[in-house]
Amino acid sequence: MSFIPKLTSAAQLQRNFRKVIEEAKEDKEPVVILRHNKPEAAVVDIETFETLSQKAGLYDEITALKALKQSEEEYQLGKAKKLTSLSSLLDED
């Protein structure tokens, strides 16, 4: 993957939609869409999108497992607090 992304304007995307899509598909790299010379969106091929979506899902799972492990460790160390209600959590200062 290149460190310099391909760029195109929103107007160019409208005029050359098929070409931009083909570039993203063939190169397996995003094409960044500029609007008023600022990045607005990116076009990626579906395989790249699915891979990124799967990785994001795995990241979410790993983050949740780390939080669960940390809470279990805090419970084992006696740092966990038992709540009688959600409002009791909000009342603490």
PDB file of N, CA and C in Angstrom:
ATOM      1  N   MET A   1       0.845  -1.188   0.000  1.00  0.00           N
ATOM      2  CA  MET A   1       0.000   0.000   0.000  1.00  0.00           C
ATOM      3  C   MET A   1       0.884   1.244   0.000  1.00  0.00           C
ATOM      4  N   SER A   2       0.549   2.169  -0.826  1.00  0.00           N
ATOM      5  CA  SER A   2       1.303   3.407  -0.965  1.00  0.00           C
ATOM      6  C   SER A   2       1.027   4.338   0.215  1.00  0.00           C
ATOM      7  N   PHE A   3       2.031   5.141   0.581  1.00  0.00           N
ATOM      8  CA  PHE A   3       1.835   6.111   1.652  1.00  0.00           C
ATOM      9  C   PHE A   3       1.149   7.373   1.148  1.00  0.00           C
ATOM     10  N   ILE A   4       1.175   7.570  -0.147  1.00  0.00           N
ATOM     11  CA  ILE A   4       0.525   8.738  -0.729  1.00  0.00           C
ATOM     12  C   ILE A   4      -0.772   8.269  -1.383  1.00  0.00           C
ATOM     13  N   PRO A   5      -1.912   8.660  -0.816  1.00  0.00           N
ATOM     14  CA  PRO A   5      -3.179   8.176  -1.378  1.00  0.00           C
ATOM     15  C   PRO A   5      -3.490   8.835  -2.715  1.00  0.00           C
ATOM     16  N   LYS A   6      -4.263   8.129  -3.507  1.00  0.00           N
ATOM     17  CA  LYS A   6      -4.762   8.721  -4.750  1.00  0.00           C
ATOM     18  C   LYS A   6      -5.848   9.711  -4.379  1.00  0.00           C
ATOM     19  N   LEU A   7      -5.855  10.834  -5.063  1.00  0.00           N
ATOM     20  CA  LEU A   7      -6.821  11.889  -4.781  1.00  0.00           C
ATOM     21  C   LEU A   7      -7.633  12.198  -6.027  1.00  0.00           C
ATOM     22  N   THR A   8      -8.882  12.568  -5.808  1.00  0.00           N
ATOM     23  CA  THR A   8      -9.717  13.059  -6.895  1.00  0.00           C
ATOM     24  C   THR A   8     -10.752  14.006  -6.303  1.00  0.00           C
ATOM     25  N   SER A   9     -11.203  14.925  -7.096  1.00  0.00           N
ATOM     26  CA  SER A   9     -12.214  15.870  -6.612  1.00  0.00           C
ATOM     27  C   SER A   9     -13.599  15.253  -6.739  1.00  0.00           C
ATOM     28  N   ALA A  10     -14.543  15.820  -6.012  1.00  0.00           N
ATOM     29  CA  ALA A  10     -15.928  15.365  -6.103  1.00  0.00           C
ATOM     30  C   ALA A  10     -16.445  15.544  -7.528  1.00  0.00           C
ATOM     31  N   ALA A  11     -16.043  16.633  -8.176  1.00  0.00           N
ATOM     32  CA  ALA A  11     -16.467  16.875  -9.559  1.00  0.00           C
ATOM     33  C   ALA A  11     -15.898  15.807 -10.492  1.00  0.00           C
ATOM     34  N   GLN A  12     -14.615  15.460 -10.297  1.00  0.00           N
ATOM     35  CA  GLN A  12     -14.004  14.409 -11.111  1.00  0.00           C
ATOM     36  C   GLN A  12     -14.686  13.065 -10.868  1.00  0.00           C
ATOM     37  N   LEU A  13     -15.059  12.810  -9.625  1.00  0.00           N
ATOM     38  CA  LEU A  13     -15.765  11.569  -9.307  1.00  0.00           C
ATOM     39  C   LEU A  13     -17.079  11.494 -10.076  1.00  0.00           C
ATOM     40  N   GLN A  14     -17.787  12.610 -10.134  1.00  0.00           N
ATOM     41  CA  GLN A  14     -19.054  12.626 -10.868  1.00  0.00           C
ATOM     42  C   GLN A  14     -18.833  12.371 -12.361  1.00  0.00           C
ATOM     43  N   ARG A  15     -17.787  12.966 -12.904  1.00  0.00           N
ATOM     44  CA  ARG A  15     -17.516  12.811 -14.337  1.00  0.00           C
ATOM     45  C   ARG A  15     -16.922  11.441 -14.681  1.00  0.00           C
ATOM     46  N   ASN A  16     -16.136  10.900 -13.772  1.00  0.00           N
ATOM     47  CA  ASN A  16     -15.398   9.661 -14.057  1.00  0.00           C
ATOM     48  C   ASN A  16     -15.662   8.580 -13.014  1.00  0.00           C
ATOM     49  N   PHE A  17     -16.907   8.437 -12.633  1.00  0.00           N
ATOM     50  CA  PHE A  17     -17.267   7.497 -11.569  1.00  0.00           C
ATOM     51  C   PHE A  17     -16.713   6.099 -11.837  1.00  0.00           C
ATOM     52  N   ARG A  18     -16.986   5.562 -12.995  1.00  0.00           N
ATOM     53  CA  ARG A  18     -16.556   4.196 -13.329  1.00  0.00           C
ATOM     54  C   ARG A  18     -15.031   4.055 -13.243  1.00  0.00           C
ATOM     55  N   LYS A  19     -14.301   5.053 -13.728  1.00  0.00           N
ATOM     56  CA  LYS A  19     -12.835   5.010 -13.707  1.00  0.00           C
ATOM     57  C   LYS A  19     -12.309   4.999 -12.266  1.00  0.00           C
ATOM     58  N   VAL A  20     -12.889   5.826 -11.407  1.00  0.00           N
ATOM     59  CA  VAL A  20     -12.456   5.888 -10.007  1.00  0.00           C
ATOM     60  C   VAL A  20     -12.708   4.545  -9.321  1.00  0.00           C
ATOM     61  N   ILE A  21     -13.875   3.964  -9.571  1.00  0.00           N
ATOM     62  CA  ILE A  21     -14.199   2.663  -8.983  1.00  0.00           C
ATOM     63  C   ILE A  21     -13.208   1.603  -9.471  1.00  0.00           C
ATOM     64  N   GLU A  22     -12.921   1.603 -10.744  1.00  0.00           N
ATOM     65  CA  GLU A  22     -11.980   0.624 -11.307  1.00  0.00           C
ATOM     66  C   GLU A  22     -10.585   0.792 -10.715  1.00  0.00           C
ATOM     67  N   GLU A  23     -10.142   2.031 -10.512  1.00  0.00           N
ATOM     68  CA  GLU A  23      -8.830   2.273  -9.894  1.00  0.00           C
ATOM     69  C   GLU A  23      -8.787   1.686  -8.492  1.00  0.00           C
ATOM     70  N   ALA A  24      -9.829   1.913  -7.715  1.00  0.00           N
ATOM     71  CA  ALA A  24      -9.877   1.389  -6.349  1.00  0.00           C
ATOM     72  C   ALA A  24      -9.871  -0.143  -6.364  1.00  0.00           C
ATOM     73  N   LYS A  25     -10.607  -0.728  -7.290  1.00  0.00           N
ATOM     74  CA  LYS A  25     -10.675  -2.189  -7.385  1.00  0.00           C
ATOM     75  C   LYS A  25      -9.349  -2.791  -7.832  1.00  0.00           C
ATOM     76  N   GLU A  26      -8.737  -2.212  -8.848  1.00  0.00           N
ATOM     77  CA  GLU A  26      -7.502  -2.765  -9.404  1.00  0.00           C
ATOM     78  C   GLU A  26      -6.317  -2.590  -8.465  1.00  0.00           C
ATOM     79  N   ASP A  27      -6.204  -1.414  -7.865  1.00  0.00           N
ATOM     80  CA  ASP A  27      -5.043  -1.103  -7.032  1.00  0.00           C
ATOM     81  C   ASP A  27      -5.198  -1.563  -5.587  1.00  0.00           C
ATOM     82  N   LYS A  28      -6.421  -1.901  -5.186  1.00  0.00           N
ATOM     83  CA  LYS A  28      -6.699  -2.291  -3.791  1.00  0.00           C
ATOM     84  C   LYS A  28      -6.258  -1.203  -2.820  1.00  0.00           C
ATOM     85  N   GLU A  29      -6.364   0.042  -3.265  1.00  0.00           N
ATOM     86  CA  GLU A  29      -6.019   1.192  -2.435  1.00  0.00           C
ATOM     87  C   GLU A  29      -7.153   2.199  -2.495  1.00  0.00           C
ATOM     88  N   PRO A  30      -7.348   2.945  -1.417  1.00  0.00           N
ATOM     89  CA  PRO A  30      -8.432   3.933  -1.420  1.00  0.00           C
ATOM     90  C   PRO A  30      -8.157   5.090  -2.367  1.00  0.00           C
ATOM     91  N   VAL A  31      -9.216   5.641  -2.883  1.00  0.00           N
ATOM     92  CA  VAL A  31      -9.157   6.883  -3.651  1.00  0.00           C
ATOM     93  C   VAL A  31      -9.874   7.918  -2.793  1.00  0.00           C
ATOM     94  N   VAL A  32      -9.144   8.921  -2.359  1.00  0.00           N
ATOM     95  CA  VAL A  32      -9.694   9.942  -1.463  1.00  0.00           C
ATOM     96  C   VAL A  32     -10.405  11.007  -2.295  1.00  0.00           C
ATOM     97  N   ILE A  33     -11.640  11.303  -1.899  1.00  0.00           N
ATOM     98  CA  ILE A  33     -12.452  12.298  -2.594  1.00  0.00           C
ATOM     99  C   ILE A  33     -12.297  13.634  -1.875  1.00  0.00           C
ATOM    100  N   LEU A  34     -11.908  14.651  -2.623  1.00  0.00           N
ATOM    101  CA  LEU A  34     -11.725  15.990  -2.059  1.00  0.00           C
ATOM    102  C   LEU A  34     -12.925  16.869  -2.393  1.00  0.00           C
ATOM    103  N   ARG A  35     -13.308  17.652  -1.421  1.00  0.00           N
ATOM    104  CA  ARG A  35     -14.342  18.667  -1.642  1.00  0.00           C
ATOM    105  C   ARG A  35     -13.789  19.969  -1.096  1.00  0.00           C
ATOM    106  N   HIS A  36     -13.677  20.953  -1.927  1.00  0.00           N
ATOM    107  CA  HIS A  36     -13.026  22.225  -1.575  1.00  0.00           C
ATOM    108  C   HIS A  36     -11.606  21.966  -1.069  1.00  0.00           C
ATOM    109  N   ASN A  37     -10.916  21.049  -1.758  1.00  0.00           N
ATOM    110  CA  ASN A  37      -9.525  20.681  -1.454  1.00  0.00           C
ATOM    111  C   ASN A  37      -9.322  20.077  -0.069  1.00  0.00           C
ATOM    112  N   LYS A  38     -10.371  19.529   0.518  1.00  0.00           N
ATOM    113  CA  LYS A  38     -10.265  18.856   1.814  1.00  0.00           C
ATOM    114  C   LYS A  38     -10.821  17.443   1.673  1.00  0.00           C
ATOM    115  N   PRO A  39     -10.167  16.461   2.318  1.00  0.00           N
ATOM    116  CA  PRO A  39     -10.672  15.089   2.239  1.00  0.00           C
ATOM    117  C   PRO A  39     -12.099  14.993   2.777  1.00  0.00           C
ATOM    118  N   GLU A  40     -12.969  14.390   1.996  1.00  0.00           N
ATOM    119  CA  GLU A  40     -14.385  14.281   2.357  1.00  0.00           C
ATOM    120  C   GLU A  40     -14.792  12.823   2.553  1.00  0.00           C
ATOM    121  N   ALA A  41     -14.248  11.935   1.735  1.00  0.00           N
ATOM    122  CA  ALA A  41     -14.606  10.519   1.789  1.00  0.00           C
ATOM    123  C   ALA A  41     -13.528   9.726   1.067  1.00  0.00           C
ATOM    124  N   ALA A  42     -13.675   8.406   1.114  1.00  0.00           N
ATOM    125  CA  ALA A  42     -12.748   7.542   0.389  1.00  0.00           C
ATOM    126  C   ALA A  42     -13.529   6.427  -0.286  1.00  0.00           C
ATOM    127  N   VAL A  43     -13.077   6.056  -1.460  1.00  0.00           N
ATOM    128  CA  VAL A  43     -13.665   4.940  -2.194  1.00  0.00           C
ATOM    129  C   VAL A  43     -12.689   3.774  -2.088  1.00  0.00           C
ATOM    130  N   VAL A  44     -13.200   2.617  -1.642  1.00  0.00           N
ATOM    131  CA  VAL A  44     -12.379   1.409  -1.566  1.00  0.00           C
ATOM    132  C   VAL A  44     -13.125   0.267  -2.243  1.00  0.00           C
ATOM    133  N   ASP A  45     -12.365  -0.731  -2.678  1.00  0.00           N
ATOM    134  CA  ASP A  45     -13.019  -1.894  -3.268  1.00  0.00           C
ATOM    135  C   ASP A  45     -13.704  -2.694  -2.157  1.00  0.00           C
ATOM    136  N   ILE A  46     -14.651  -3.533  -2.518  1.00  0.00           N
ATOM    137  CA  ILE A  46     -15.463  -4.238  -1.534  1.00  0.00           C
ATOM    138  C   ILE A  46     -14.637  -5.199  -0.687  1.00  0.00           C
ATOM    139  N   GLU A  47     -13.617  -5.835  -1.266  1.00  0.00           N
ATOM    140  CA  GLU A  47     -12.769  -6.740  -0.483  1.00  0.00           C
ATOM    141  C   GLU A  47     -12.045  -5.989   0.630  1.00  0.00           C
ATOM    142  N   THR A  48     -11.503  -4.830   0.298  1.00  0.00           N
ATOM    143  CA  THR A  48     -10.823  -4.013   1.306  1.00  0.00           C
ATOM    144  C   THR A  48     -11.802  -3.576   2.378  1.00  0.00           C
ATOM    145  N   PHE A  49     -12.986  -3.160   1.970  1.00  0.00           N
ATOM    146  CA  PHE A  49     -14.010  -2.748   2.929  1.00  0.00           C
ATOM    147  C   PHE A  49     -14.359  -3.888   3.878  1.00  0.00           C
ATOM    148  N   GLU A  50     -14.564  -5.090   3.339  1.00  0.00           N
ATOM    149  CA  GLU A  50     -14.913  -6.239   4.176  1.00  0.00           C
ATOM    150  C   GLU A  50     -13.779  -6.592   5.129  1.00  0.00           C
ATOM    151  N   THR A  51     -12.544  -6.527   4.645  1.00  0.00           N
ATOM    152  CA  THR A  51     -11.391  -6.804   5.502  1.00  0.00           C
ATOM    153  C   THR A  51     -11.307  -5.796   6.639  1.00  0.00           C
ATOM    154  N   LEU A  52     -11.470  -4.520   6.313  1.00  0.00           N
ATOM    155  CA  LEU A  52     -11.431  -3.480   7.341  1.00  0.00           C
ATOM    156  C   LEU A  52     -12.567  -3.656   8.341  1.00  0.00           C
ATOM    157  N   SER A  53     -13.740  -4.023   7.863  1.00  0.00           N
ATOM    158  CA  SER A  53     -14.886  -4.242   8.747  1.00  0.00           C
ATOM    159  C   SER A  53     -14.623  -5.405   9.701  1.00  0.00           C
ATOM    160  N   GLN A  54     -14.045  -6.482   9.180  1.00  0.00           N
ATOM    161  CA  GLN A  54     -13.720  -7.632  10.026  1.00  0.00           C
ATOM    162  C   GLN A  54     -12.681  -7.260  11.073  1.00  0.00           C
ATOM    163  N   LYS A  55     -11.657  -6.515  10.661  1.00  0.00           N
ATOM    164  CA  LYS A  55     -10.618  -6.103  11.607  1.00  0.00           C
ATOM    165  C   LYS A  55     -11.194  -5.192  12.682  1.00  0.00           C
ATOM    166  N   ALA A  56     -12.099  -4.308  12.302  1.00  0.00           N
ATOM    167  CA  ALA A  56     -12.734  -3.426  13.286  1.00  0.00           C
ATOM    168  C   ALA A  56     -13.552  -4.248  14.274  1.00  0.00           C
ATOM    169  N   GLY A  57     -14.244  -5.261  13.779  1.00  0.00           N
ATOM    170  CA  GLY A  57     -15.019  -6.136  14.659  1.00  0.00           C
ATOM    171  C   GLY A  57     -14.125  -6.886  15.621  1.00  0.00           C
ATOM    172  N   LEU A  58     -12.993  -7.403  15.126  1.00  0.00           N
ATOM    173  CA  LEU A  58     -12.043  -8.093  15.992  1.00  0.00           C
ATOM    174  C   LEU A  58     -11.467  -7.143  17.029  1.00  0.00           C
ATOM    175  N   TYR A  59     -11.171  -5.918  16.617  1.00  0.00           N
ATOM    176  CA  TYR A  59     -10.650  -4.919  17.552  1.00  0.00           C
ATOM    177  C   TYR A  59     -11.659  -4.662  18.669  1.00  0.00           C
ATOM    178  N   ASP A  60     -12.937  -4.540  18.310  1.00  0.00           N
ATOM    179  CA  ASP A  60     -13.979  -4.326  19.313  1.00  0.00           C
ATOM    180  C   ASP A  60     -14.046  -5.496  20.289  1.00  0.00           C
ATOM    181  N   GLU A  61     -13.938  -6.718  19.771  1.00  0.00           N
ATOM    182  CA  GLU A  61     -13.971  -7.899  20.632  1.00  0.00           C
ATOM    183  C   GLU A  61     -12.769  -7.926  21.569  1.00  0.00           C
ATOM    184  N   ILE A  62     -11.592  -7.627  21.040  1.00  0.00           N
ATOM    185  CA  ILE A  62     -10.380  -7.622  21.859  1.00  0.00           C
ATOM    186  C   ILE A  62     -10.480  -6.560  22.943  1.00  0.00           C
ATOM    187  N   THR A  63     -10.974  -5.386  22.590  1.00  0.00           N
ATOM    188  CA  THR A  63     -11.138  -4.307  23.566  1.00  0.00           C
ATOM    189  C   THR A  63     -12.105  -4.723  24.668  1.00  0.00           C
ATOM    190  N   ALA A  64     -13.205  -5.361  24.296  1.00  0.00           N
ATOM    191  CA  ALA A  64     -14.188  -5.818  25.286  1.00  0.00           C
ATOM    192  C   ALA A  64     -13.580  -6.886  26.194  1.00  0.00           C
ATOM    193  N   LEU A  65     -12.811  -7.812  25.624  1.00  0.00           N
ATOM    194  CA  LEU A  65     -12.176  -8.853  26.434  1.00  0.00           C
ATOM    195  C   LEU A  65     -11.149  -8.266  27.400  1.00  0.00           C
ATOM    196  N   LYS A  66     -10.400  -7.257  26.947  1.00  0.00           N
ATOM    197  CA  LYS A  66      -9.439  -6.596  27.836  1.00  0.00           C
ATOM    198  C   LYS A  66     -10.157  -5.909  28.991  1.00  0.00           C
ATOM    199  N   ALA A  67     -11.276  -5.251  28.703  1.00  0.00           N
ATOM    200  CA  ALA A  67     -12.049  -4.582  29.751  1.00  0.00           C
ATOM    201  C   ALA A  67     -12.602  -5.605  30.734  1.00  0.00           C
ATOM    202  N   LEU A  68     -13.065  -6.734  30.226  1.00  0.00           N
ATOM    203  CA  LEU A  68     -13.579  -7.792  31.091  1.00  0.00           C
ATOM    204  C   LEU A  68     -12.476  -8.345  31.980  1.00  0.00           C
ATOM    205  N   LYS A  69     -11.303  -8.583  31.401  1.00  0.00           N
ATOM    206  CA  LYS A  69     -10.171  -9.091  32.181  1.00  0.00           C
ATOM    207  C   LYS A  69      -9.781  -8.098  33.270  1.00  0.00           C
ATOM    208  N   GLN A  70      -9.749  -6.820  32.924  1.00  0.00           N
ATOM    209  CA  GLN A  70      -9.392  -5.798  33.902  1.00  0.00           C
ATOM    210  C   GLN A  70     -10.412  -5.758  35.032  1.00  0.00           C
ATOM    211  N   SER A  71     -11.683  -5.858  34.699  1.00  0.00           N
ATOM    212  CA  SER A  71     -12.708  -5.819  35.750  1.00  0.00           C
ATOM    213  C   SER A  71     -12.620  -7.054  36.638  1.00  0.00           C
ATOM    214  N   GLU A  72     -12.288  -8.219  36.064  1.00  0.00           N
ATOM    215  CA  GLU A  72     -12.110  -9.426  36.872  1.00  0.00           C
ATOM    216  C   GLU A  72     -10.921  -9.277  37.815  1.00  0.00           C
ATOM    217  N   GLU A  73      -9.833  -8.683  37.325  1.00  0.00           N
ATOM    218  CA  GLU A  73      -8.658  -8.456  38.168  1.00  0.00           C
ATOM    219  C   GLU A  73      -8.993  -7.498  39.307  1.00  0.00           C
ATOM    220  N   GLU A  74      -9.730  -6.441  39.010  1.00  0.00           N
ATOM    221  CA  GLU A  74     -10.130  -5.493  40.047  1.00  0.00           C
ATOM    222  C   GLU A  74     -11.024  -6.171  41.081  1.00  0.00           C
ATOM    223  N   TYR A  75     -11.890  -7.048  40.619  1.00  0.00           N
ATOM    224  CA  TYR A  75     -12.762  -7.777  41.539  1.00  0.00           C
ATOM    225  C   TYR A  75     -11.929  -8.676  42.450  1.00  0.00           C
ATOM    226  N   GLN A  76     -10.941  -9.383  41.868  1.00  0.00           N
ATOM    227  CA  GLN A  76     -10.081 -10.269  42.655  1.00  0.00           C
ATOM    228  C   GLN A  76      -9.265  -9.486  43.688  1.00  0.00           C
ATOM    229  N   LEU A  77      -8.897  -8.266  43.364  1.00  0.00           N
ATOM    230  CA  LEU A  77      -8.117  -7.428  44.284  1.00  0.00           C
ATOM    231  C   LEU A  77      -8.995  -6.687  45.285  1.00  0.00           C
ATOM    232  N   GLY A  78     -10.295  -6.883  45.189  1.00  0.00           N
ATOM    233  CA  GLY A  78     -11.221  -6.219  46.108  1.00  0.00           C
ATOM    234  C   GLY A  78     -11.489  -4.770  45.757  1.00  0.00           C
ATOM    235  N   LYS A  79     -11.163  -4.366  44.556  1.00  0.00           N
ATOM    236  CA  LYS A  79     -11.382  -2.981  44.143  1.00  0.00           C
ATOM    237  C   LYS A  79     -12.776  -2.753  43.575  1.00  0.00           C
ATOM    238  N   ALA A  80     -13.480  -3.836  43.294  1.00  0.00           N
ATOM    239  CA  ALA A  80     -14.819  -3.703  42.712  1.00  0.00           C
ATOM    240  C   ALA A  80     -15.816  -3.308  43.798  1.00  0.00           C
ATOM    241  N   LYS A  81     -16.817  -2.552  43.406  1.00  0.00           N
ATOM    242  CA  LYS A  81     -17.861  -2.127  44.334  1.00  0.00           C
ATOM    243  C   LYS A  81     -19.172  -2.758  43.921  1.00  0.00           C
ATOM    244  N   LYS A  82     -19.948  -3.171  44.902  1.00  0.00           N
ATOM    245  CA  LYS A  82     -21.267  -3.710  44.611  1.00  0.00           C
ATOM    246  C   LYS A  82     -22.258  -2.563  44.604  1.00  0.00           C
ATOM    247  N   LEU A  83     -23.080  -2.536  43.598  1.00  0.00           N
ATOM    248  CA  LEU A  83     -24.083  -1.483  43.466  1.00  0.00           C
ATOM    249  C   LEU A  83     -25.458  -2.057  43.757  1.00  0.00           C
ATOM    250  N   THR A  84     -26.235  -1.279  44.468  1.00  0.00           N
ATOM    251  CA  THR A  84     -27.617  -1.692  44.700  1.00  0.00           C
ATOM    252  C   THR A  84     -28.514  -1.166  43.597  1.00  0.00           C
ATOM    253  N   SER A  85     -28.072  -0.080  42.956  1.00  0.00           N
ATOM    254  CA  SER A  85     -28.832   0.477  41.840  1.00  0.00           C
ATOM    255  C   SER A  85     -27.900   1.342  40.997  1.00  0.00           C
ATOM    256  N   LEU A  86     -28.348   1.652  39.812  1.00  0.00           N
ATOM    257  CA  LEU A  86     -27.561   2.512  38.932  1.00  0.00           C
ATOM    258  C   LEU A  86     -27.440   3.913  39.517  1.00  0.00           C
ATOM    259  N   SER A  87     -28.474   4.376  40.169  1.00  0.00           N
ATOM    260  CA  SER A  87     -28.437   5.724  40.745  1.00  0.00           C
ATOM    261  C   SER A  87     -27.387   5.834  41.844  1.00  0.00           C
ATOM    262  N   SER A  88     -27.092   4.734  42.559  1.00  0.00           N
ATOM    263  CA  SER A  88     -26.059   4.797  43.595  1.00  0.00           C
ATOM    264  C   SER A  88     -24.682   5.033  42.976  1.00  0.00           C
ATOM    265  N   LEU A  89     -24.469   4.579  41.772  1.00  0.00           N
ATOM    266  CA  LEU A  89     -23.219   4.845  41.067  1.00  0.00           C
ATOM    267  C   LEU A  89     -23.103   6.324  40.727  1.00  0.00           C
ATOM    268  N   LEU A  90     -24.197   6.929  40.333  1.00  0.00           N
ATOM    269  CA  LEU A  90     -24.202   8.339  39.959  1.00  0.00           C
ATOM    270  C   LEU A  90     -24.103   9.260  41.165  1.00  0.00           C
ATOM    271  N   ASP A  91     -24.533   8.782  42.335  1.00  0.00           N
ATOM    272  CA  ASP A  91     -24.517   9.601  43.545  1.00  0.00           C
ATOM    273  C   ASP A  91     -23.134   9.730  44.154  1.00  0.00           C
ATOM    274  N   GLU A  92     -22.188   8.831  43.781  1.00  0.00           N
ATOM    275  CA  GLU A  92     -20.852   8.873  44.370  1.00  0.00           C
ATOM    276  C   GLU A  92     -20.069  10.066  43.851  1.00  0.00           C
ATOM    277  N   ASP A  93     -19.274  10.669  44.712  1.00  0.00           N
ATOM    278  CA  ASP A  93     -18.425  11.810  44.323  1.00  0.00           C
ATOM    279  C   ASP A  93     -16.994  11.424  44.270  1.00  0.00           C
TER     280      ASP A  93
END
